[in-house]
PDB file of N, CA and C in Angstrom:
ATOM      1  N   ILE A   1      28.227   0.248 -35.498  1.00  0.00           N
ATOM      2  CA  ILE A   1      27.164  -0.209 -35.624  1.00  0.00           C
ATOM      3  C   ILE A   1      26.450   1.076 -35.757  1.00  0.00           C
ATOM      4  N   ASP A   2      26.587   2.303 -34.951  1.00  0.00           N
ATOM      5  CA  ASP A   2      25.780   3.531 -35.141  1.00  0.00           C
ATOM      6  C   ASP A   2      26.437   4.358 -36.326  1.00  0.00           C
ATOM      7  N   SER A   3      26.188   4.255 -37.452  1.00  0.00           N
ATOM      8  CA  SER A   3      26.976   4.598 -38.497  1.00  0.00           C
ATOM      9  C   SER A   3      26.718   6.313 -38.652  1.00  0.00           C
ATOM     10  N   ASN A   4      25.707   6.811 -37.835  1.00  0.00           N
ATOM     11  CA  ASN A   4      25.714   8.357 -38.345  1.00  0.00           C
ATOM     12  C   ASN A   4      26.092   9.018 -37.168  1.00  0.00           C
ATOM     13  N   THR A   5      26.655   8.405 -36.143  1.00  0.00           N
ATOM     14  CA  THR A   5      27.177   8.562 -34.589  1.00  0.00           C
ATOM     15  C   THR A   5      26.303   9.442 -33.927  1.00  0.00           C
ATOM     16  N   ASP A   6      24.953   9.346 -33.787  1.00  0.00           N
ATOM     17  CA  ASP A   6      23.890   9.974 -33.163  1.00  0.00           C
ATOM     18  C   ASP A   6      24.004   9.671 -31.738  1.00  0.00           C
ATOM     19  N   GLY A   7      24.423   8.554 -31.229  1.00  0.00           N
ATOM     20  CA  GLY A   7      24.318   7.660 -30.261  1.00  0.00           C
ATOM     21  C   GLY A   7      23.272   6.838 -29.938  1.00  0.00           C
ATOM     22  N   LEU A   8      22.300   6.426 -31.029  1.00  0.00           N
ATOM     23  CA  LEU A   8      21.258   5.735 -31.422  1.00  0.00           C
ATOM     24  C   LEU A   8      21.599   4.882 -32.697  1.00  0.00           C
ATOM     25  N   VAL A   9      21.000   3.522 -32.522  1.00  0.00           N
ATOM     26  CA  VAL A   9      20.681   2.795 -33.775  1.00  0.00           C
ATOM     27  C   VAL A   9      19.488   2.474 -34.068  1.00  0.00           C
ATOM     28  N   ASP A  10      19.224   3.119 -35.447  1.00  0.00           N
ATOM     29  CA  ASP A  10      18.000   2.550 -36.087  1.00  0.00           C
ATOM     30  C   ASP A  10      17.881   1.552 -36.932  1.00  0.00           C
ATOM     31  N   PHE A  11      16.668   1.281 -37.387  1.00  0.00           N
ATOM     32  CA  PHE A  11      16.557   0.002 -37.941  1.00  0.00           C
ATOM     33  C   PHE A  11      17.730  -0.313 -39.169  1.00  0.00           C
ATOM     34  N   MET A  12      17.816   0.761 -39.878  1.00  0.00           N
ATOM     35  CA  MET A  12      18.725   0.392 -40.902  1.00  0.00           C
ATOM     36  C   MET A  12      20.117   0.228 -40.639  1.00  0.00           C
ATOM     37  N   GLU A  13      20.731   0.705 -39.476  1.00  0.00           N
ATOM     38  CA  GLU A  13      21.996   0.506 -38.860  1.00  0.00           C
ATOM     39  C   GLU A  13      21.747  -0.898 -38.236  1.00  0.00           C
ATOM     40  N   PHE A  14      20.903  -1.069 -37.807  1.00  0.00           N
ATOM     41  CA  PHE A  14      20.815  -2.673 -37.025  1.00  0.00           C
ATOM     42  C   PHE A  14      20.723  -3.590 -38.363  1.00  0.00           C
ATOM     43  N   VAL A  15      20.239  -3.526 -39.132  1.00  0.00           N
ATOM     44  CA  VAL A  15      20.149  -4.369 -40.429  1.00  0.00           C
ATOM     45  C   VAL A  15      21.597  -4.508 -40.681  1.00  0.00           C
ATOM     46  N   ALA A  16      22.003  -3.415 -41.168  1.00  0.00           N
ATOM     47  CA  ALA A  16      23.500  -3.190 -41.603  1.00  0.00           C
ATOM     48  C   ALA A  16      24.481  -3.853 -40.853  1.00  0.00           C
ATOM     49  N   ALA A  17      24.267  -4.205 -39.528  1.00  0.00           N
ATOM     50  CA  ALA A  17      25.004  -4.498 -38.664  1.00  0.00           C
ATOM     51  C   ALA A  17      25.064  -6.136 -38.622  1.00  0.00           C
ATOM     52  N   THR A  18      23.706  -6.297 -38.616  1.00  0.00           N
ATOM     53  CA  THR A  18      23.483  -8.176 -38.633  1.00  0.00           C
ATOM     54  C   THR A  18      23.303  -8.808 -39.988  1.00  0.00           C
ATOM     55  N   LEU A  19      23.584  -8.390 -40.912  1.00  0.00           N
ATOM     56  CA  LEU A  19      23.194  -8.864 -42.224  1.00  0.00           C
ATOM     57  C   LEU A  19      24.249  -8.914 -43.282  1.00  0.00           C
ATOM     58  N   HIS A  20      24.751 -10.061 -44.077  1.00  0.00           N
ATOM     59  CA  HIS A  20      25.282  -9.838 -45.087  1.00  0.00           C
ATOM     60  C   HIS A  20      24.291  -9.468 -46.436  1.00  0.00           C
ATOM     61  N   PRO A  21      24.935  -8.707 -47.251  1.00  0.00           N
ATOM     62  CA  PRO A  21      24.238  -8.140 -48.405  1.00  0.00           C
ATOM     63  C   PRO A  21      23.661  -9.506 -49.388  1.00  0.00           C
ATOM     64  N   HIS A  22      24.434 -10.848 -49.700  1.00  0.00           N
ATOM     65  CA  HIS A  22      24.139 -11.746 -50.178  1.00  0.00           C
ATOM     66  C   HIS A  22      22.789 -12.721 -49.448  1.00  0.00           C
ATOM     67  N   GLN A  23      22.383 -12.290 -48.205  1.00  0.00           N
ATOM     68  CA  GLN A  23      21.624 -12.868 -47.677  1.00  0.00           C
ATOM     69  C   GLN A  23      20.153 -12.436 -47.994  1.00  0.00           C
ATOM     70  N   LEU A  24      19.812 -11.259 -48.524  1.00  0.00           N
ATOM     71  CA  LEU A  24      18.821 -10.584 -49.154  1.00  0.00           C
ATOM     72  C   LEU A  24      18.416 -11.274 -50.623  1.00  0.00           C
ATOM     73  N   GLN A  25      19.566 -11.636 -51.293  1.00  0.00           N
ATOM     74  CA  GLN A  25      19.017 -12.499 -52.660  1.00  0.00           C
ATOM     75  C   GLN A  25      18.644 -13.699 -52.295  1.00  0.00           C
ATOM     76  N   GLU A  26      19.018 -14.616 -51.235  1.00  0.00           N
ATOM     77  CA  GLU A  26      18.588 -15.681 -51.239  1.00  0.00           C
ATOM     78  C   GLU A  26      17.731 -16.336 -50.484  1.00  0.00           C
ATOM     79  N   HIS A  27      17.093 -15.126 -49.967  1.00  0.00           N
ATOM     80  CA  HIS A  27      15.829 -15.455 -49.051  1.00  0.00           C
ATOM     81  C   HIS A  27      14.748 -14.590 -49.308  1.00  0.00           C
ATOM     82  N   ASP A  28      13.495 -15.126 -49.002  1.00  0.00           N
ATOM     83  CA  ASP A  28      12.215 -14.283 -49.221  1.00  0.00           C
ATOM     84  C   ASP A  28      12.338 -12.994 -48.535  1.00  0.00           C
ATOM     85  N   SER A  29      12.126 -11.908 -49.221  1.00  0.00           N
ATOM     86  CA  SER A  29      12.754 -10.415 -48.421  1.00  0.00           C
ATOM     87  C   SER A  29      11.381 -10.222 -47.658  1.00  0.00           C
ATOM     88  N   THR A  30      10.087 -10.596 -47.979  1.00  0.00           N
ATOM     89  CA  THR A  30       9.060 -10.143 -46.676  1.00  0.00           C
ATOM     90  C   THR A  30       9.416 -10.991 -45.427  1.00  0.00           C
ATOM     91  N   LYS A  31       9.716 -12.181 -45.556  1.00  0.00           N
ATOM     92  CA  LYS A  31       9.965 -13.345 -44.517  1.00  0.00           C
ATOM     93  C   LYS A  31      11.077 -12.341 -43.568  1.00  0.00           C
ATOM     94  N   TRP A  32      12.095 -12.102 -44.365  1.00  0.00           N
ATOM     95  CA  TRP A  32      13.398 -11.620 -43.990  1.00  0.00           C
ATOM     96  C   TRP A  32      12.857  -9.955 -43.126  1.00  0.00           C
ATOM     97  N   GLU A  33      12.183  -9.354 -43.691  1.00  0.00           N
ATOM     98  CA  GLU A  33      11.844  -8.094 -43.143  1.00  0.00           C
ATOM     99  C   GLU A  33      11.092  -8.250 -42.002  1.00  0.00           C
ATOM    100  N   GLN A  34      10.167  -9.401 -41.923  1.00  0.00           N
ATOM    101  CA  GLN A  34       9.584  -9.407 -40.560  1.00  0.00           C
ATOM    102  C   GLN A  34      10.443 -10.134 -39.454  1.00  0.00           C
ATOM    103  N   ARG A  35      11.387 -10.987 -39.623  1.00  0.00           N
ATOM    104  CA  ARG A  35      12.251 -11.173 -39.014  1.00  0.00           C
ATOM    105  C   ARG A  35      13.255 -10.104 -38.181  1.00  0.00           C
ATOM    106  N   SER A  36      13.522  -9.547 -39.309  1.00  0.00           N
ATOM    107  CA  SER A  36      14.722  -8.305 -38.925  1.00  0.00           C
ATOM    108  C   SER A  36      13.969  -7.428 -37.708  1.00  0.00           C
ATOM    109  N   GLN A  37      12.666  -6.973 -38.343  1.00  0.00           N
ATOM    110  CA  GLN A  37      12.079  -6.094 -37.441  1.00  0.00           C
ATOM    111  C   GLN A  37      11.761  -6.823 -35.991  1.00  0.00           C
ATOM    112  N   ALA A  38      11.473  -8.167 -35.973  1.00  0.00           N
ATOM    113  CA  ALA A  38      11.143  -8.687 -34.556  1.00  0.00           C
ATOM    114  C   ALA A  38      12.476  -8.726 -33.843  1.00  0.00           C
ATOM    115  N   ALA A  39      13.378  -9.062 -34.433  1.00  0.00           N
ATOM    116  CA  ALA A  39      14.628  -8.990 -33.862  1.00  0.00           C
ATOM    117  C   ALA A  39      15.017  -7.360 -33.387  1.00  0.00           C
ATOM    118  N   PHE A  40      14.742  -6.457 -33.962  1.00  0.00           N
ATOM    119  CA  PHE A  40      15.066  -4.926 -33.763  1.00  0.00           C
ATOM    120  C   PHE A  40      14.191  -4.896 -32.538  1.00  0.00           C
ATOM    121  N   SER A  41      12.672  -4.993 -32.736  1.00  0.00           N
ATOM    122  CA  SER A  41      11.944  -4.878 -31.606  1.00  0.00           C
ATOM    123  C   SER A  41      12.341  -5.262 -30.015  1.00  0.00           C
ATOM    124  N   LYS A  42      12.870  -6.310 -30.340  1.00  0.00           N
ATOM    125  CA  LYS A  42      13.300  -7.044 -28.950  1.00  0.00           C
ATOM    126  C   LYS A  42      14.504  -5.926 -28.340  1.00  0.00           C
ATOM    127  N   PHE A  43      15.414  -5.322 -28.987  1.00  0.00           N
ATOM    128  CA  PHE A  43      15.884  -4.582 -28.286  1.00  0.00           C
ATOM    129  C   PHE A  43      15.366  -3.199 -28.233  1.00  0.00           C
ATOM    130  N   ASP A  44      14.638  -2.531 -29.075  1.00  0.00           N
ATOM    131  CA  ASP A  44      13.844  -1.341 -28.914  1.00  0.00           C
ATOM    132  C   ASP A  44      12.875  -1.280 -27.898  1.00  0.00           C
ATOM    133  N   VAL A  45      13.252  -1.477 -26.564  1.00  0.00           N
ATOM    134  CA  VAL A  45      11.978  -1.489 -25.797  1.00  0.00           C
ATOM    135  C   VAL A  45      11.123  -0.789 -25.404  1.00  0.00           C
ATOM    136  N   ASP A  46      11.377   0.707 -25.940  1.00  0.00           N
ATOM    137  CA  ASP A  46      10.301   1.706 -25.545  1.00  0.00           C
ATOM    138  C   ASP A  46       9.302   1.751 -26.913  1.00  0.00           C
ATOM    139  N   GLY A  47       9.859   1.263 -28.095  1.00  0.00           N
ATOM    140  CA  GLY A  47       9.193   1.113 -29.351  1.00  0.00           C
ATOM    141  C   GLY A  47       9.531   2.628 -29.876  1.00  0.00           C
ATOM    142  N   ASP A  48      10.388   3.304 -29.850  1.00  0.00           N
ATOM    143  CA  ASP A  48      10.565   4.625 -30.426  1.00  0.00           C
ATOM    144  C   ASP A  48      10.961   4.435 -32.019  1.00  0.00           C
ATOM    145  N   GLY A  49      11.714   3.311 -32.184  1.00  0.00           N
ATOM    146  CA  GLY A  49      12.363   3.260 -33.714  1.00  0.00           C
ATOM    147  C   GLY A  49      13.694   3.115 -33.622  1.00  0.00           C
ATOM    148  N   PHE A  50      14.174   3.504 -32.559  1.00  0.00           N
ATOM    149  CA  PHE A  50      15.853   3.608 -32.013  1.00  0.00           C
ATOM    150  C   PHE A  50      16.226   2.392 -31.011  1.00  0.00           C
ATOM    151  N   ILE A  51      17.417   2.077 -30.991  1.00  0.00           N
ATOM    152  CA  ILE A  51      18.055   1.142 -29.650  1.00  0.00           C
ATOM    153  C   ILE A  51      18.889   2.276 -28.920  1.00  0.00           C
ATOM    154  N   THR A  52      18.715   2.430 -27.812  1.00  0.00           N
ATOM    155  CA  THR A  52      19.624   3.385 -27.552  1.00  0.00           C
ATOM    156  C   THR A  52      20.833   2.621 -26.697  1.00  0.00           C
ATOM    157  N   PRO A  53      21.659   3.185 -25.923  1.00  0.00           N
ATOM    158  CA  PRO A  53      22.711   2.328 -25.218  1.00  0.00           C
ATOM    159  C   PRO A  53      22.205   1.742 -23.720  1.00  0.00           C
ATOM    160  N   GLU A  54      21.125   2.348 -23.448  1.00  0.00           N
ATOM    161  CA  GLU A  54      20.367   1.579 -22.099  1.00  0.00           C
ATOM    162  C   GLU A  54      19.734   0.453 -22.488  1.00  0.00           C
ATOM    163  N   GLU A  55      18.984   0.697 -23.795  1.00  0.00           N
ATOM    164  CA  GLU A  55      18.140  -0.557 -24.226  1.00  0.00           C
ATOM    165  C   GLU A  55      19.017  -1.683 -24.214  1.00  0.00           C
ATOM    166  N   LEU A  56      20.075  -1.337 -24.996  1.00  0.00           N
ATOM    167  CA  LEU A  56      21.256  -2.631 -25.367  1.00  0.00           C
ATOM    168  C   LEU A  56      21.920  -3.213 -23.903  1.00  0.00           C
ATOM    169  N   ARG A  57      22.037  -2.580 -23.096  1.00  0.00           N
ATOM    170  CA  ARG A  57      22.377  -3.279 -21.283  1.00  0.00           C
ATOM    171  C   ARG A  57      21.062  -3.758 -20.846  1.00  0.00           C
ATOM    172  N   MET A  58      19.902  -3.853 -21.368  1.00  0.00           N
ATOM    173  CA  MET A  58      18.737  -4.437 -20.617  1.00  0.00           C
ATOM    174  C   MET A  58      19.073  -6.066 -20.763  1.00  0.00           C
TER     175      MET A  58
END
């Protein structure tokens, strides 16, 4: 999930780990972006744009 091995998960890494490519073609991209961002925000507790190991443990 941490594809660049920096110890953090950013939004694009999160999306890559949770989505199959064909899903982008089958769904409204605006709605998909909103839902993905909402899911990411649940983990990104401090809102810095990254999910840390500590935030995953919460």
